[in-house]
Amino acid sequence: MSSLVVIKSISNGLKVFLDKNADFESICRELSEKISQSKGFFKGAKIAVSFEERTISFEEEKQLIDIMEDSGDMTVLYSIGKDSESGESVARVVNRSFNEDSEGNCFGRLYTGSLKKGERLESEAGIVVMGDIEPGATLLSKGSIVVLGGIYGSAIVEASDDESKYFIAASDISAERIRIGKYHYYTKEKAKWLIKPKMQPKICYCRDGIVTVEPVSSDSLRRLSETVCDED
């Protein structure tokens, strides 16, 4: 009897090959069994996962991830797939916050590692990236962005309401593209990816339809607080 689920290791994660024709409940059962059999190996692991060979919905993907976490006592940080139009690699942060209020509202998520050329990371909430956004890479978030490295590719806040509530901050900003909502930041500077000067932490925010990028200082943080936090 052929397997409905085949699991292979990749760098920092797993590729999970799913039978195209089997019913989804059968796939879930087999995935749970296989992960449970290796629970000791997966216990405490923090991984990426890529589901292959079968097209699945967002709800099915979430169900499979829940099964993997429950059966293997692991944490799936993000899933990897391909954009249906461009074909580029897309990493989606798993819908898990590292800070919630009493009503379950999410304030942010965490991604560890740098984004490479051709990669795209999407988040449904604000995000902290512990790495660089390299040239040719794209970070899209529906909340504010903090990068504990440099932004040399594209950083986009897909704000659906008041753009002044959001910001982008990084240890260095020499980006190919910056956007908050419908407003773009244009720079005459060339990217400094290959020859990096001393990093200067910068913060980017939108006021009156103009996106401003400036060095982090007590004054810039005060202005940001007035812009971002004042909801009156």
Foldseek 3Di string as FASTA:
>chain_A
DDDQWDWDDDVQAIEIEGHAPDDLVVRLVRLLVVLLVCLVVAAAREGEYEYDDYDDDPVSVLSSQVSNCVNNVHHHQWYWDADPPPRFIEIEGPPDAPDADPVRDHAEGEAEEEFDARYEYEYAHEYEYAYEDAANYEYEYCAAYEYAAEAAEEYEHQDPDDQLQYKYKYQAYQYPWYYGHPATDDDPDHGCVVPDDRTFIWMWGDDPRHIDIDGDDPVVVVVSCVRNVDPD
